[in-house]
N, C-alpha and C. Protein backbone atom coordinates (compact mmCIF):
# COMPACT_ATOMS: atom_id res chain seq x y z
N UNK A 1 0.84 -1.17 0.00
CA UNK A 1 0.00 0.00 0.00
C UNK A 1 0.89 1.23 0.00
N UNK A 2 0.66 2.13 -0.95
CA UNK A 2 1.43 3.36 -1.02
C UNK A 2 1.00 4.32 0.06
N UNK A 3 1.97 5.09 0.56
CA UNK A 3 1.62 6.02 1.64
C UNK A 3 1.79 7.47 1.23
N UNK A 4 1.86 7.75 -0.04
CA UNK A 4 2.03 9.13 -0.46
C UNK A 4 0.77 9.93 -0.20
N UNK A 5 0.94 11.21 0.09
CA UNK A 5 -0.20 12.09 0.38
C UNK A 5 -1.13 12.18 -0.82
N UNK A 6 -0.56 12.22 -2.03
CA UNK A 6 -1.39 12.34 -3.22
C UNK A 6 -2.26 11.11 -3.40
N UNK A 7 -1.70 9.91 -3.14
CA UNK A 7 -2.46 8.68 -3.30
C UNK A 7 -3.62 8.62 -2.32
N UNK A 8 -3.48 9.21 -1.15
CA UNK A 8 -4.51 9.17 -0.12
C UNK A 8 -5.59 10.22 -0.36
N UNK A 9 -5.34 11.19 -1.20
CA UNK A 9 -6.32 12.24 -1.40
C UNK A 9 -6.19 13.33 -0.35
N UNK A 10 -5.86 12.99 0.84
CA UNK A 10 -5.58 13.88 1.97
C UNK A 10 -6.54 15.06 2.09
N UNK A 11 -7.80 14.77 2.40
CA UNK A 11 -8.76 15.86 2.56
C UNK A 11 -8.31 16.83 3.65
N UNK A 12 -8.58 18.08 3.42
CA UNK A 12 -8.17 19.14 4.35
C UNK A 12 -8.78 18.90 5.74
N UNK A 13 -7.90 18.86 6.73
CA UNK A 13 -8.36 18.74 8.10
C UNK A 13 -8.94 17.39 8.48
N UNK A 14 -8.67 16.35 7.72
CA UNK A 14 -9.29 15.06 8.01
C UNK A 14 -8.87 14.48 9.35
N UNK A 15 -7.65 14.75 9.79
CA UNK A 15 -7.21 14.22 11.08
C UNK A 15 -8.09 14.76 12.21
N UNK A 16 -8.49 16.02 12.12
CA UNK A 16 -9.36 16.62 13.14
C UNK A 16 -10.73 15.96 13.16
N UNK A 17 -11.21 15.62 11.99
CA UNK A 17 -12.52 14.95 11.90
C UNK A 17 -12.46 13.62 12.64
N UNK A 18 -11.45 12.81 12.30
CA UNK A 18 -11.38 11.48 12.90
C UNK A 18 -11.02 11.53 14.38
N UNK A 19 -10.24 12.51 14.79
CA UNK A 19 -9.96 12.68 16.22
C UNK A 19 -11.26 13.01 16.96
N UNK A 20 -12.07 13.87 16.38
CA UNK A 20 -13.34 14.24 17.01
C UNK A 20 -14.30 13.05 17.05
N UNK A 21 -14.26 12.22 16.02
CA UNK A 21 -15.16 11.07 15.97
C UNK A 21 -14.64 9.89 16.78
N UNK A 22 -13.45 10.01 17.33
CA UNK A 22 -12.83 8.92 18.07
C UNK A 22 -13.32 8.79 19.50
N UNK A 23 -14.37 9.46 19.84
CA UNK A 23 -14.93 9.41 21.19
C UNK A 23 -16.34 8.86 21.13
N UNK A 24 -16.66 7.92 22.01
CA UNK A 24 -17.96 7.25 21.98
C UNK A 24 -19.13 8.23 22.18
N UNK A 25 -18.96 9.18 23.09
CA UNK A 25 -20.03 10.15 23.34
C UNK A 25 -20.26 11.00 22.09
N UNK A 26 -19.17 11.44 21.45
CA UNK A 26 -19.33 12.27 20.24
C UNK A 26 -19.96 11.47 19.11
N UNK A 27 -19.62 10.19 19.00
CA UNK A 27 -20.26 9.35 17.98
C UNK A 27 -21.76 9.24 18.24
N UNK A 28 -22.14 9.12 19.50
CA UNK A 28 -23.58 9.07 19.83
C UNK A 28 -24.25 10.39 19.47
N UNK A 29 -23.58 11.51 19.73
CA UNK A 29 -24.14 12.82 19.36
C UNK A 29 -24.32 12.93 17.86
N UNK A 30 -23.33 12.48 17.10
CA UNK A 30 -23.44 12.49 15.64
C UNK A 30 -24.62 11.64 15.20
N UNK A 31 -24.76 10.48 15.79
CA UNK A 31 -25.87 9.59 15.45
C UNK A 31 -27.22 10.25 15.74
N UNK A 32 -27.34 10.87 16.92
CA UNK A 32 -28.60 11.55 17.25
C UNK A 32 -28.90 12.68 16.29
N UNK A 33 -27.89 13.49 15.97
CA UNK A 33 -28.11 14.61 15.05
C UNK A 33 -28.43 14.09 13.65
N UNK A 34 -27.83 12.97 13.28
CA UNK A 34 -28.12 12.36 11.97
C UNK A 34 -29.57 11.89 11.90
N UNK A 35 -29.98 11.19 12.94
CA UNK A 35 -31.32 10.59 12.95
C UNK A 35 -32.44 11.58 13.24
N UNK A 36 -32.18 12.52 14.15
CA UNK A 36 -33.25 13.40 14.62
C UNK A 36 -33.15 14.84 14.12
N UNK A 37 -32.07 15.16 13.41
CA UNK A 37 -31.91 16.51 12.90
C UNK A 37 -31.41 17.48 13.95
N UNK A 38 -31.40 18.76 13.62
CA UNK A 38 -30.87 19.79 14.53
C UNK A 38 -31.62 19.80 15.85
N UNK A 39 -30.88 20.02 16.94
CA UNK A 39 -31.52 20.11 18.26
C UNK A 39 -30.64 20.84 19.25
N UNK A 40 -31.26 21.21 20.36
CA UNK A 40 -30.57 21.94 21.42
C UNK A 40 -29.80 20.96 22.31
N UNK A 41 -28.92 21.52 23.13
CA UNK A 41 -28.17 20.70 24.08
C UNK A 41 -29.15 20.02 25.05
N UNK A 42 -30.20 20.73 25.43
CA UNK A 42 -31.20 20.16 26.33
C UNK A 42 -31.80 18.89 25.73
N UNK A 43 -32.18 18.95 24.47
CA UNK A 43 -32.74 17.77 23.80
C UNK A 43 -31.69 16.69 23.61
N UNK A 44 -30.44 17.09 23.32
CA UNK A 44 -29.38 16.11 23.13
C UNK A 44 -29.06 15.34 24.41
N UNK A 45 -29.26 15.97 25.56
CA UNK A 45 -28.95 15.31 26.83
C UNK A 45 -30.14 14.54 27.39
N UNK A 46 -31.33 14.80 26.87
CA UNK A 46 -32.53 14.13 27.39
C UNK A 46 -32.37 12.61 27.30
N UNK A 47 -32.63 11.95 28.41
CA UNK A 47 -32.59 10.49 28.45
C UNK A 47 -31.19 9.90 28.53
N UNK A 48 -30.17 10.74 28.69
CA UNK A 48 -28.81 10.21 28.80
C UNK A 48 -28.24 10.57 30.17
N UNK A 49 -27.14 9.93 30.51
CA UNK A 49 -26.48 10.20 31.79
C UNK A 49 -25.41 11.27 31.65
N UNK A 50 -25.27 11.84 30.45
CA UNK A 50 -24.25 12.85 30.17
C UNK A 50 -24.82 14.22 30.51
N UNK A 51 -24.05 15.02 31.23
CA UNK A 51 -24.51 16.35 31.63
C UNK A 51 -24.52 17.31 30.45
N UNK A 52 -25.27 18.39 30.61
CA UNK A 52 -25.29 19.42 29.56
C UNK A 52 -23.91 20.03 29.35
N UNK A 53 -23.17 20.21 30.44
CA UNK A 53 -21.82 20.76 30.33
C UNK A 53 -20.92 19.83 29.52
N UNK A 54 -21.03 18.52 29.75
CA UNK A 54 -20.22 17.55 29.02
C UNK A 54 -20.60 17.54 27.53
N UNK A 55 -21.90 17.58 27.26
CA UNK A 55 -22.36 17.61 25.86
C UNK A 55 -21.86 18.88 25.18
N UNK A 56 -21.95 20.01 25.88
CA UNK A 56 -21.47 21.28 25.31
C UNK A 56 -19.99 21.17 24.97
N UNK A 57 -19.21 20.59 25.86
CA UNK A 57 -17.78 20.42 25.61
C UNK A 57 -17.54 19.56 24.37
N UNK A 58 -18.26 18.45 24.26
CA UNK A 58 -18.12 17.58 23.10
C UNK A 58 -18.53 18.29 21.81
N UNK A 59 -19.62 19.05 21.88
CA UNK A 59 -20.07 19.78 20.69
C UNK A 59 -19.02 20.81 20.25
N UNK A 60 -18.35 21.43 21.19
CA UNK A 60 -17.34 22.43 20.82
C UNK A 60 -16.11 21.77 20.20
N UNK A 61 -15.77 20.56 20.65
CA UNK A 61 -14.69 19.80 20.00
C UNK A 61 -15.09 19.48 18.56
N UNK A 62 -16.34 19.06 18.39
CA UNK A 62 -16.83 18.72 17.05
C UNK A 62 -16.94 19.97 16.18
N UNK A 63 -17.28 21.10 16.78
CA UNK A 63 -17.36 22.35 16.03
C UNK A 63 -15.97 22.76 15.54
N UNK A 64 -14.96 22.60 16.40
CA UNK A 64 -13.58 22.93 16.01
C UNK A 64 -13.11 22.07 14.84
N UNK A 65 -13.64 20.84 14.76
CA UNK A 65 -13.30 19.94 13.65
C UNK A 65 -14.17 20.20 12.43
N UNK A 66 -15.16 21.08 12.56
CA UNK A 66 -16.04 21.41 11.44
C UNK A 66 -17.18 20.43 11.24
N UNK A 67 -17.42 19.56 12.22
CA UNK A 67 -18.47 18.55 12.07
C UNK A 67 -19.86 19.07 12.39
N UNK A 68 -19.95 20.06 13.25
CA UNK A 68 -21.25 20.63 13.62
C UNK A 68 -21.16 22.15 13.60
N UNK A 69 -22.33 22.76 13.57
CA UNK A 69 -22.41 24.22 13.70
C UNK A 69 -23.67 24.51 14.50
N UNK A 70 -23.71 25.72 15.05
CA UNK A 70 -24.86 26.07 15.86
C UNK A 70 -25.43 27.41 15.40
N UNK A 71 -26.70 27.59 15.72
CA UNK A 71 -27.38 28.86 15.45
C UNK A 71 -28.27 29.15 16.65
N UNK A 72 -28.36 30.41 17.02
CA UNK A 72 -29.18 30.81 18.16
C UNK A 72 -30.66 30.76 17.77
N UNK A 73 -31.45 30.26 18.69
CA UNK A 73 -32.90 30.27 18.56
C UNK A 73 -33.44 30.67 19.94
N UNK A 74 -33.72 31.95 20.09
CA UNK A 74 -34.12 32.44 21.41
C UNK A 74 -32.94 32.36 22.36
N UNK A 75 -33.13 31.67 23.48
CA UNK A 75 -32.08 31.53 24.48
C UNK A 75 -31.21 30.31 24.25
N UNK A 76 -31.56 29.47 23.30
CA UNK A 76 -30.83 28.22 23.07
C UNK A 76 -30.03 28.26 21.78
N UNK A 77 -29.01 27.43 21.75
CA UNK A 77 -28.28 27.18 20.51
C UNK A 77 -28.79 25.86 19.95
N UNK A 78 -29.06 25.87 18.66
CA UNK A 78 -29.51 24.65 17.98
C UNK A 78 -28.31 24.13 17.19
N UNK A 79 -27.98 22.87 17.41
CA UNK A 79 -26.81 22.25 16.80
C UNK A 79 -27.22 21.34 15.66
N UNK A 80 -26.42 21.37 14.59
CA UNK A 80 -26.68 20.48 13.47
C UNK A 80 -25.36 20.03 12.85
N UNK A 81 -25.43 18.90 12.16
CA UNK A 81 -24.24 18.37 11.49
C UNK A 81 -23.91 19.18 10.26
N UNK A 82 -22.63 19.26 9.95
CA UNK A 82 -22.20 19.83 8.68
C UNK A 82 -22.00 18.65 7.74
N UNK A 83 -22.95 18.46 6.86
CA UNK A 83 -22.95 17.29 5.97
C UNK A 83 -21.73 17.25 5.06
N UNK A 84 -21.17 18.41 4.74
CA UNK A 84 -19.97 18.42 3.88
C UNK A 84 -18.80 17.73 4.56
N UNK A 85 -18.63 17.98 5.85
CA UNK A 85 -17.51 17.37 6.57
C UNK A 85 -17.73 15.87 6.75
N UNK A 86 -18.97 15.47 6.96
CA UNK A 86 -19.28 14.04 7.06
C UNK A 86 -18.98 13.37 5.71
N UNK A 87 -19.37 14.02 4.62
CA UNK A 87 -19.09 13.49 3.28
C UNK A 87 -17.58 13.42 3.02
N UNK A 88 -16.86 14.41 3.52
CA UNK A 88 -15.40 14.43 3.36
C UNK A 88 -14.77 13.23 4.08
N UNK A 89 -15.24 12.95 5.28
CA UNK A 89 -14.73 11.80 6.03
C UNK A 89 -15.05 10.51 5.30
N UNK A 90 -16.26 10.41 4.79
CA UNK A 90 -16.66 9.21 4.04
C UNK A 90 -15.79 9.04 2.79
N UNK A 91 -15.53 10.14 2.10
CA UNK A 91 -14.69 10.09 0.90
C UNK A 91 -13.29 9.56 1.25
N UNK A 92 -12.74 10.07 2.33
CA UNK A 92 -11.42 9.66 2.76
C UNK A 92 -11.40 8.17 3.11
N UNK A 93 -12.44 7.70 3.81
CA UNK A 93 -12.53 6.28 4.15
C UNK A 93 -12.70 5.42 2.89
N UNK A 94 -13.45 5.93 1.92
CA UNK A 94 -13.60 5.21 0.65
C UNK A 94 -12.25 5.07 -0.06
N UNK A 95 -11.44 6.13 -0.03
CA UNK A 95 -10.10 6.06 -0.64
C UNK A 95 -9.23 5.00 0.04
N UNK A 96 -9.26 5.00 1.36
CA UNK A 96 -8.48 4.02 2.11
C UNK A 96 -8.97 2.60 1.81
N UNK A 97 -10.28 2.43 1.76
CA UNK A 97 -10.87 1.13 1.46
C UNK A 97 -10.44 0.63 0.09
N UNK A 98 -10.46 1.53 -0.89
CA UNK A 98 -10.04 1.15 -2.25
C UNK A 98 -8.57 0.74 -2.26
N UNK A 99 -7.75 1.47 -1.52
CA UNK A 99 -6.33 1.12 -1.46
C UNK A 99 -6.13 -0.26 -0.85
N UNK A 100 -6.87 -0.57 0.21
CA UNK A 100 -6.77 -1.89 0.81
C UNK A 100 -7.26 -2.96 -0.15
N UNK A 101 -8.37 -2.71 -0.83
CA UNK A 101 -8.87 -3.68 -1.82
C UNK A 101 -7.83 -3.93 -2.90
N UNK A 102 -7.21 -2.86 -3.39
CA UNK A 102 -6.16 -3.00 -4.42
C UNK A 102 -4.98 -3.81 -3.88
N UNK A 103 -4.56 -3.51 -2.65
CA UNK A 103 -3.42 -4.22 -2.06
C UNK A 103 -3.75 -5.70 -1.86
N UNK A 104 -4.96 -6.00 -1.40
CA UNK A 104 -5.36 -7.39 -1.22
C UNK A 104 -5.47 -8.11 -2.56
N UNK A 105 -5.93 -7.41 -3.58
CA UNK A 105 -5.99 -7.99 -4.92
C UNK A 105 -4.60 -8.34 -5.44
N UNK A 106 -3.65 -7.44 -5.21
CA UNK A 106 -2.26 -7.73 -5.61
C UNK A 106 -1.69 -8.92 -4.84
N UNK A 107 -1.99 -8.99 -3.55
CA UNK A 107 -1.52 -10.10 -2.73
C UNK A 107 -2.14 -11.42 -3.20
N UNK A 108 -3.44 -11.41 -3.48
CA UNK A 108 -4.12 -12.60 -3.97
C UNK A 108 -3.49 -13.08 -5.27
N UNK A 109 -3.23 -12.13 -6.17
CA UNK A 109 -2.63 -12.47 -7.46
C UNK A 109 -1.23 -13.06 -7.25
N UNK A 110 -0.47 -12.50 -6.35
CA UNK A 110 0.88 -12.99 -6.06
C UNK A 110 0.83 -14.40 -5.50
N UNK A 111 -0.12 -14.66 -4.57
CA UNK A 111 -0.23 -15.97 -3.95
C UNK A 111 -0.72 -17.01 -4.96
N UNK A 112 -1.67 -16.62 -5.80
CA UNK A 112 -2.23 -17.57 -6.77
C UNK A 112 -1.28 -17.88 -7.90
N UNK A 113 -0.37 -16.96 -8.22
CA UNK A 113 0.59 -17.21 -9.31
C UNK A 113 1.73 -17.99 -8.84
């Protein structure tokens, strides 16, 4: 498998995306926002054992990575996913997957020959 930056596609800021997604709580927040759409911290914490302060901290980590954005609605901030960054992460994973498939294909051919 080649490790050149050009071969990987190297999407801008992809390391920040995956670092932000490397936390179980943040993955749950992404899942909730994906399934239920934009919502407030109050709604995001409803039914969970995670405090509003903890959720706010996680959302700010995700915001720094460009995964979410917020807009004020009265006294609350409404948080939503940035679909472009999610698509960017998916694109990067697709590139890696293709590289692994190619490498395994070459290995299979080498073993079979």
